[in-house]
Structures are given as C-alpha cells and as structure tokens.
Amino acid sequence: MLKSNLAVLMAERGLKIADVYEQTGISKTTLMALADNKSKGVQFETIDKLCNFFDVTPDRFFVFSKYIFRYETKFESVINSNVFYIKVFSGDNKSLYSYEYSIYSDISDEDVSMIFSGSEGYDYYFVMQSREFDSFGILYKDLPPLLKKEVDMNFINFAKTEVQKYLEGLEIDKGYANVAIIINYSDRNNRLVKGFRFKENHA
C-alpha cells in the first residue's frame, strides 16, 4: 500500500493547500487529492515539483507498507449482528480478521471495567474485539502512523454507524450521548487497546 505523506509535510511546515498551490502552480484539485490520498495516479513531474518544494526525497514523500487492506461489513444471522471484516493482502498471502462488538451502559460490567481500568464519564461503551482473538495487533503495531490512522478511521466509521442505529432504537429523550469506542486489535496475551470518544446526537 502506497500513500502520500503530503498532509503531514504541510502540517509540519504550517502550510495550507492554497500556499502550496501559489508556490508550485500545481492545481488545488491535484493537491487535495494527494493530501487526502484519493488520487488514483500522479505524474512524475508533479512529484518532482513537490519533492523539490518540500526538500524531501520520494521515500519521504510517500509512505509504503507491504500490506493492502480491504474492509467489509456483513450481517451474521447466528449472532444477529453486523460483523466488521478486514482483509489483509501481502504478496500471495491473504488473512481475514473479523471483529464483533458489544454496547454497554454500565462501567461496572466486567468486560468494560477490565478494558477501561476504572474510566468513567461515558453514557455508552462500544467495545470491538476479534472473536478469534487473532494477532492483528502485531501487524498494526508495525504500520506507519499514516496507515494506522486509516485503519482506525475504518473501524471508527463502522462503530459510529452501529452506535447511531443502537441509539435510534432506544426510547430516550432528545439530546447527546457521550460514547467511548474501544477497539482491541490484538490477542489475549498481547492486548493492544485503542480508545476513541465522540458525542452522538440521538435526537
């Protein structure tokens, strides 16, 4: 997987898309696509200009990982719930990891307290973990920060969708719910927990 590091390079220098456009002449559309990693291709001349502008080599401008990730959500009738799947490709090898979730409203619940270690202040706790307790966390730890962020966002987007559906089914007053999203990427012996928080309107 190859990703542009343009957003990081700009942030490090306090630059915006408009600044790079004015000084390089590269279109804002192209720059935005590169910064958001939505570009399907880029000309060598463009990379040459940007590397010279930021005074970096191509291996600094791009971030590479030998892994390619594909994400999918499937409804599993056995558990009557959606399951989040992540497929990891590396050469001829393919691995499939599946993650189920539970939603708790009580910090005293054993499954929640074990992860939160006494944290409080949330209305709901959305906990995702692998049903096989696989070792995806080992792979995740070695990813560059930019790619970790991409993996995180795919998990979070799935979590937010499921939380929204859950809240819509509750008979509660209009307002906001503070939700903690907890993702356990790893196995029982090498637990790697990531925590995220968002405020969800359930009006």
C-alpha atoms as a PDB file:
ATOM      1  CA  MET A   1       0.000   0.000   0.000  1.00  0.00           C
ATOM      2  CA  LEU A   2       1.395   3.360  -1.085  1.00  0.00           C
ATOM      3  CA  LYS A   3       0.173   6.601   0.482  1.00  0.00           C
ATOM      4  CA  SER A   4       1.065  10.240   0.013  1.00  0.00           C
ATOM      5  CA  ASN A   5       2.594  11.986   3.009  1.00  0.00           C
ATOM      6  CA  LEU A   6       1.627  15.427   1.691  1.00  0.00           C
ATOM      7  CA  ALA A   7      -0.761  16.279   4.525  1.00  0.00           C
ATOM      8  CA  VAL A   8       1.945  15.561   7.108  1.00  0.00           C
ATOM      9  CA  LEU A   9       4.577  17.567   5.225  1.00  0.00           C
ATOM     10  CA  MET A  10       2.246  20.560   5.027  1.00  0.00           C
ATOM     11  CA  ALA A  11       1.288  20.322   8.707  1.00  0.00           C
ATOM     12  CA  GLU A  12       4.941  20.188   9.752  1.00  0.00           C
ATOM     13  CA  ARG A  13       5.535  23.468   7.909  1.00  0.00           C
ATOM     14  CA  GLY A  14       2.256  25.174   8.782  1.00  0.00           C
ATOM     15  CA  LEU A  15       1.174  25.275   5.133  1.00  0.00           C
ATOM     16  CA  LYS A  16      -2.248  25.026   3.523  1.00  0.00           C
ATOM     17  CA  ILE A  17      -3.276  23.787   0.093  1.00  0.00           C
ATOM     18  CA  ALA A  18      -3.516  27.392  -1.127  1.00  0.00           C
ATOM     19  CA  ASP A  19       0.081  28.068  -0.034  1.00  0.00           C
ATOM     20  CA  VAL A  20       1.474  25.081  -1.940  1.00  0.00           C
ATOM     21  CA  TYR A  21      -0.632  25.970  -4.996  1.00  0.00           C
ATOM     22  CA  GLU A  22       0.665  29.554  -5.067  1.00  0.00           C
ATOM     23  CA  GLN A  23       4.300  28.467  -4.796  1.00  0.00           C
ATOM     24  CA  THR A  24       4.278  25.421  -7.088  1.00  0.00           C
ATOM     25  CA  GLY A  25       1.494  26.081  -9.589  1.00  0.00           C
ATOM     26  CA  ILE A  26       0.106  22.582  -9.003  1.00  0.00           C
ATOM     27  CA  SER A  27      -3.693  22.673  -9.128  1.00  0.00           C
ATOM     28  CA  LYS A  28      -5.622  22.716  -5.868  1.00  0.00           C
ATOM     29  CA  THR A  29      -7.654  19.718  -7.072  1.00  0.00           C
ATOM     30  CA  THR A  30      -4.488  17.650  -7.520  1.00  0.00           C
ATOM     31  CA  LEU A  31      -3.064  18.775  -4.182  1.00  0.00           C
ATOM     32  CA  MET A  32      -6.279  17.991  -2.312  1.00  0.00           C
ATOM     33  CA  ALA A  33      -6.485  14.535  -3.906  1.00  0.00           C
ATOM     34  CA  LEU A  34      -2.883  13.814  -2.882  1.00  0.00           C
ATOM     35  CA  ALA A  35      -3.328  15.184   0.641  1.00  0.00           C
ATOM     36  CA  ASP A  36      -6.496  13.111   1.179  1.00  0.00           C
ATOM     37  CA  ASN A  37      -4.987  10.070  -0.576  1.00  0.00           C
ATOM     38  CA  LYS A  38      -7.858   9.938  -3.040  1.00  0.00           C
ATOM     39  CA  SER A  39      -5.717  10.294  -6.143  1.00  0.00           C
ATOM     40  CA  LYS A  40      -5.666   7.287  -8.476  1.00  0.00           C
ATOM     41  CA  GLY A  41      -2.493   8.439 -10.186  1.00  0.00           C
ATOM     42  CA  VAL A  42       0.024  11.250 -10.269  1.00  0.00           C
ATOM     43  CA  GLN A  43       2.553  12.486 -12.825  1.00  0.00           C
ATOM     44  CA  PHE A  44       6.284  12.237 -12.144  1.00  0.00           C
ATOM     45  CA  GLU A  45       6.599  15.961 -12.862  1.00  0.00           C
ATOM     46  CA  THR A  46       4.154  16.717 -10.032  1.00  0.00           C
ATOM     47  CA  ILE A  47       6.077  14.541  -7.573  1.00  0.00           C
ATOM     48  CA  ASP A  48       9.331  16.130  -8.715  1.00  0.00           C
ATOM     49  CA  LYS A  49       7.954  19.618  -8.039  1.00  0.00           C
ATOM     50  CA  LEU A  50       6.609  18.684  -4.618  1.00  0.00           C
ATOM     51  CA  CYS A  51       9.772  16.888  -3.506  1.00  0.00           C
ATOM     52  CA  ASN A  52      11.828  19.921  -4.506  1.00  0.00           C
ATOM     53  CA  PHE A  53       9.406  22.308  -2.843  1.00  0.00           C
ATOM     54  CA  PHE A  54       9.428  20.393   0.465  1.00  0.00           C
ATOM     55  CA  ASP A  55      13.126  19.489   0.094  1.00  0.00           C
ATOM     56  CA  VAL A  56      12.469  15.764   0.600  1.00  0.00           C
ATOM     57  CA  THR A  57      13.218  12.584  -1.308  1.00  0.00           C
ATOM     58  CA  PRO A  58      10.409  10.419  -2.759  1.00  0.00           C
ATOM     59  CA  ASP A  59      10.762   7.922   0.105  1.00  0.00           C
ATOM     60  CA  ARG A  60       9.861  10.772   2.492  1.00  0.00           C
ATOM     61  CA  PHE A  61       7.019  11.998   0.314  1.00  0.00           C
ATOM     62  CA  PHE A  62       5.411   8.564   0.167  1.00  0.00           C
ATOM     63  CA  VAL A  63       4.624   6.055   2.911  1.00  0.00           C
ATOM     64  CA  PHE A  64       4.760   2.392   1.948  1.00  0.00           C
ATOM     65  CA  SER A  65       3.555  -0.785   3.603  1.00  0.00           C
ATOM     66  CA  LYS A  66       3.673  -4.278   2.140  1.00  0.00           C
ATOM     67  CA  TYR A  67       0.065  -4.766   3.256  1.00  0.00           C
ATOM     68  CA  ILE A  68      -3.111  -3.895   1.364  1.00  0.00           C
ATOM     69  CA  PHE A  69      -6.303  -3.569   3.407  1.00  0.00           C
ATOM     70  CA  ARG A  70      -9.891  -4.177   2.350  1.00  0.00           C
ATOM     71  CA  TYR A  71     -12.841  -3.574   4.668  1.00  0.00           C
ATOM     72  CA  GLU A  72     -16.285  -5.151   4.650  1.00  0.00           C
ATOM     73  CA  THR A  73     -19.356  -5.324   6.889  1.00  0.00           C
ATOM     74  CA  LYS A  74     -21.587  -8.404   6.897  1.00  0.00           C
ATOM     75  CA  PHE A  75     -24.702  -9.294   8.829  1.00  0.00           C
ATOM     76  CA  GLU A  76     -24.265 -12.582  10.682  1.00  0.00           C
ATOM     77  CA  SER A  77     -27.608 -14.206  11.461  1.00  0.00           C
ATOM     78  CA  VAL A  78     -26.053 -16.511  14.086  1.00  0.00           C
ATOM     79  CA  ILE A  79     -25.313 -13.570  16.370  1.00  0.00           C
ATOM     80  CA  ASN A  80     -27.993 -11.296  14.854  1.00  0.00           C
ATOM     81  CA  SER A  81     -25.493  -8.503  14.370  1.00  0.00           C
ATOM     82  CA  ASN A  82     -23.151  -6.923  11.856  1.00  0.00           C
ATOM     83  CA  VAL A  83     -19.546  -8.093  11.888  1.00  0.00           C
ATOM     84  CA  PHE A  84     -16.632  -5.957  10.701  1.00  0.00           C
ATOM     85  CA  TYR A  85     -14.159  -7.806   8.462  1.00  0.00           C
ATOM     86  CA  ILE A  86     -10.712  -6.656   7.473  1.00  0.00           C
ATOM     87  CA  LYS A  87      -8.854  -8.494   4.713  1.00  0.00           C
ATOM     88  CA  VAL A  88      -5.087  -8.126   4.618  1.00  0.00           C
ATOM     89  CA  PHE A  89      -3.147  -8.904   1.445  1.00  0.00           C
ATOM     90  CA  SER A  90       0.626  -9.274   1.297  1.00  0.00           C
ATOM     91  CA  GLY A  91       2.060 -10.796  -1.858  1.00  0.00           C
ATOM     92  CA  ASP A  92       0.276 -14.105  -2.379  1.00  0.00           C
ATOM     93  CA  ASN A  93      -0.855 -14.270   1.236  1.00  0.00           C
ATOM     94  CA  LYS A  94      -4.312 -13.236   2.406  1.00  0.00           C
ATOM     95  CA  SER A  95      -5.524 -13.033   6.002  1.00  0.00           C
ATOM     96  CA  LEU A  96      -9.048 -12.389   7.195  1.00  0.00           C
ATOM     97  CA  TYR A  97      -9.803 -10.848  10.580  1.00  0.00           C
ATOM     98  CA  SER A  98     -13.318 -10.454  11.968  1.00  0.00           C
ATOM     99  CA  TYR A  99     -14.490  -8.165  14.764  1.00  0.00           C
ATOM    100  CA  GLU A 100     -17.716  -8.293  16.723  1.00  0.00           C
ATOM    101  CA  TYR A 101     -18.972  -5.638  19.104  1.00  0.00           C
ATOM    102  CA  SER A 102     -20.966  -5.125  22.269  1.00  0.00           C
ATOM    103  CA  ILE A 103     -22.522  -1.945  23.643  1.00  0.00           C
ATOM    104  CA  TYR A 104     -22.559  -1.363  27.399  1.00  0.00           C
ATOM    105  CA  SER A 105     -24.068   1.401  29.505  1.00  0.00           C
ATOM    106  CA  ASP A 106     -22.547   0.378  32.825  1.00  0.00           C
ATOM    107  CA  ILE A 107     -18.860   0.817  33.642  1.00  0.00           C
ATOM    108  CA  SER A 108     -19.167  -1.829  36.350  1.00  0.00           C
ATOM    109  CA  ASP A 109     -19.714  -4.522  33.727  1.00  0.00           C
ATOM    110  CA  GLU A 110     -16.725  -6.870  33.941  1.00  0.00           C
ATOM    111  CA  ASP A 111     -15.955  -6.738  30.204  1.00  0.00           C
ATOM    112  CA  VAL A 112     -15.907  -2.939  30.255  1.00  0.00           C
ATOM    113  CA  SER A 113     -14.093  -2.345  33.538  1.00  0.00           C
ATOM    114  CA  MET A 114     -11.348  -4.771  32.504  1.00  0.00           C
ATOM    115  CA  ILE A 115     -10.611  -2.578  29.479  1.00  0.00           C
ATOM    116  CA  PHE A 116     -11.246   0.857  30.965  1.00  0.00           C
ATOM    117  CA  SER A 117      -9.481   0.296  34.266  1.00  0.00           C
ATOM    118  CA  GLY A 118     -11.924   2.487  36.136  1.00  0.00           C
ATOM    119  CA  SER A 119     -12.539   5.157  33.495  1.00  0.00           C
ATOM    120  CA  GLU A 120     -15.899   6.862  33.793  1.00  0.00           C
ATOM    121  CA  GLY A 121     -17.907   9.654  32.237  1.00  0.00           C
ATOM    122  CA  TYR A 122     -19.449   7.976  29.210  1.00  0.00           C
ATOM    123  CA  ASP A 123     -23.084   7.149  28.515  1.00  0.00           C
ATOM    124  CA  TYR A 124     -22.249   4.128  26.380  1.00  0.00           C
ATOM    125  CA  TYR A 125     -19.229   1.930  25.779  1.00  0.00           C
ATOM    126  CA  PHE A 126     -18.829   0.410  22.328  1.00  0.00           C
ATOM    127  CA  VAL A 127     -16.301  -2.440  22.538  1.00  0.00           C
ATOM    128  CA  MET A 128     -14.942  -4.155  19.412  1.00  0.00           C
ATOM    129  CA  GLN A 129     -12.755  -7.230  19.539  1.00  0.00           C
ATOM    130  CA  SER A 130     -11.951 -10.257  17.453  1.00  0.00           C
ATOM    131  CA  ARG A 131     -13.974 -13.366  18.110  1.00  0.00           C
ATOM    132  CA  GLU A 132     -10.909 -15.464  17.285  1.00  0.00           C
ATOM    133  CA  PHE A 133      -8.588 -13.284  19.410  1.00  0.00           C
ATOM    134  CA  ASP A 134      -6.217 -13.106  16.460  1.00  0.00           C
ATOM    135  CA  SER A 135      -2.930 -11.252  16.279  1.00  0.00           C
ATOM    136  CA  PHE A 136      -3.926  -8.336  14.037  1.00  0.00           C
ATOM    137  CA  GLY A 137      -2.467  -6.054  16.691  1.00  0.00           C
ATOM    138  CA  ILE A 138       1.041  -7.339  15.969  1.00  0.00           C
ATOM    139  CA  LEU A 139       0.658  -6.296  12.325  1.00  0.00           C
ATOM    140  CA  TYR A 140      -0.948  -2.997  13.329  1.00  0.00           C
ATOM    141  CA  LYS A 141       1.917  -2.021  15.652  1.00  0.00           C
ATOM    142  CA  ASP A 142       4.400  -2.084  12.763  1.00  0.00           C
ATOM    143  CA  LEU A 143       2.362   0.171  10.470  1.00  0.00           C
ATOM    144  CA  PRO A 144       3.469   3.766   9.783  1.00  0.00           C
ATOM    145  CA  PRO A 145       1.326   6.351  11.656  1.00  0.00           C
ATOM    146  CA  LEU A 146      -0.459   7.419   8.460  1.00  0.00           C
ATOM    147  CA  LEU A 147      -1.630   3.874   7.753  1.00  0.00           C
ATOM    148  CA  LYS A 148      -2.591   3.294  11.389  1.00  0.00           C
ATOM    149  CA  LYS A 149      -4.848   6.336  11.098  1.00  0.00           C
ATOM    150  CA  GLU A 150      -6.529   4.894   8.020  1.00  0.00           C
ATOM    151  CA  VAL A 151      -7.192   1.576   9.781  1.00  0.00           C
ATOM    152  CA  ASP A 152      -8.520   3.434  12.837  1.00  0.00           C
ATOM    153  CA  MET A 153     -10.904   5.537  10.750  1.00  0.00           C
ATOM    154  CA  ASN A 154     -12.418   2.493   9.049  1.00  0.00           C
ATOM    155  CA  PHE A 155     -13.071   0.878  12.425  1.00  0.00           C
ATOM    156  CA  ILE A 156     -14.445   4.126  13.854  1.00  0.00           C
ATOM    157  CA  ASN A 157     -16.790   4.718  10.914  1.00  0.00           C
ATOM    158  CA  PHE A 158     -18.226   1.227  11.378  1.00  0.00           C
ATOM    159  CA  ALA A 159     -18.585   1.828  15.121  1.00  0.00           C
ATOM    160  CA  LYS A 160     -20.348   5.166  14.662  1.00  0.00           C
ATOM    161  CA  THR A 161     -22.851   3.635  12.241  1.00  0.00           C
ATOM    162  CA  GLU A 162     -23.676   0.840  14.686  1.00  0.00           C
ATOM    163  CA  VAL A 163     -23.944   3.248  17.629  1.00  0.00           C
ATOM    164  CA  GLN A 164     -26.312   5.513  15.702  1.00  0.00           C
ATOM    165  CA  LYS A 165     -28.589   2.567  14.896  1.00  0.00           C
ATOM    166  CA  TYR A 166     -28.480   1.445  18.520  1.00  0.00           C
ATOM    167  CA  LEU A 167     -29.407   4.890  19.862  1.00  0.00           C
ATOM    168  CA  GLU A 168     -32.238   5.273  17.363  1.00  0.00           C
ATOM    169  CA  GLY A 169     -33.802   2.141  18.785  1.00  0.00           C
ATOM    170  CA  LEU A 170     -33.839   3.473  22.349  1.00  0.00           C
ATOM    171  CA  GLU A 171     -36.725   5.371  23.871  1.00  0.00           C
ATOM    172  CA  ILE A 172     -34.685   8.205  25.333  1.00  0.00           C
ATOM    173  CA  ASP A 173     -35.048  11.957  25.484  1.00  0.00           C
ATOM    174  CA  LYS A 174     -33.571  14.102  22.766  1.00  0.00           C
ATOM    175  CA  GLY A 175     -30.024  15.207  23.367  1.00  0.00           C
ATOM    176  CA  TYR A 176     -26.488  13.914  23.100  1.00  0.00           C
ATOM    177  CA  ALA A 177     -24.836  10.715  24.216  1.00  0.00           C
ATOM    178  CA  ASN A 178     -21.131  10.555  25.062  1.00  0.00           C
ATOM    179  CA  VAL A 179     -19.865   7.352  23.510  1.00  0.00           C
ATOM    180  CA  ALA A 180     -16.500   5.678  24.053  1.00  0.00           C
ATOM    181  CA  ILE A 181     -15.297   3.464  21.218  1.00  0.00           C
ATOM    182  CA  ILE A 182     -12.844   0.814  22.311  1.00  0.00           C
ATOM    183  CA  ILE A 183     -11.056  -1.342  19.746  1.00  0.00           C
ATOM    184  CA  ASN A 184      -8.985  -4.328  20.816  1.00  0.00           C
ATOM    185  CA  TYR A 185      -6.690  -5.020  17.874  1.00  0.00           C
ATOM    186  CA  SER A 186      -4.702  -7.788  19.486  1.00  0.00           C
ATOM    187  CA  ASP A 187      -4.930 -11.122  21.293  1.00  0.00           C
ATOM    188  CA  ARG A 188      -5.399 -12.173  24.937  1.00  0.00           C
ATOM    189  CA  ASN A 189      -1.687 -12.211  25.703  1.00  0.00           C
ATOM    190  CA  ASN A 190      -0.687  -9.038  23.877  1.00  0.00           C
ATOM    191  CA  ARG A 191      -3.663  -6.734  24.205  1.00  0.00           C
ATOM    192  CA  LEU A 192      -3.460  -3.502  22.259  1.00  0.00           C
ATOM    193  CA  VAL A 193      -6.419  -1.293  23.052  1.00  0.00           C
ATOM    194  CA  LYS A 194      -7.280   1.915  21.214  1.00  0.00           C
ATOM    195  CA  GLY A 195      -9.791   4.321  22.710  1.00  0.00           C
ATOM    196  CA  PHE A 196     -11.852   6.983  20.961  1.00  0.00           C
ATOM    197  CA  ARG A 197     -14.633   9.240  22.176  1.00  0.00           C
ATOM    198  CA  PHE A 198     -17.384  11.042  20.316  1.00  0.00           C
ATOM    199  CA  LYS A 199     -20.615  12.828  21.165  1.00  0.00           C
ATOM    200  CA  GLU A 200     -23.558  11.456  19.211  1.00  0.00           C
ATOM    201  CA  ASN A 201     -26.832  13.321  18.748  1.00  0.00           C
ATOM    202  CA  HIS A 202     -29.716  10.898  19.300  1.00  0.00           C
ATOM    203  CA  ALA A 203     -32.493  13.427  18.696  1.00  0.00           C
END
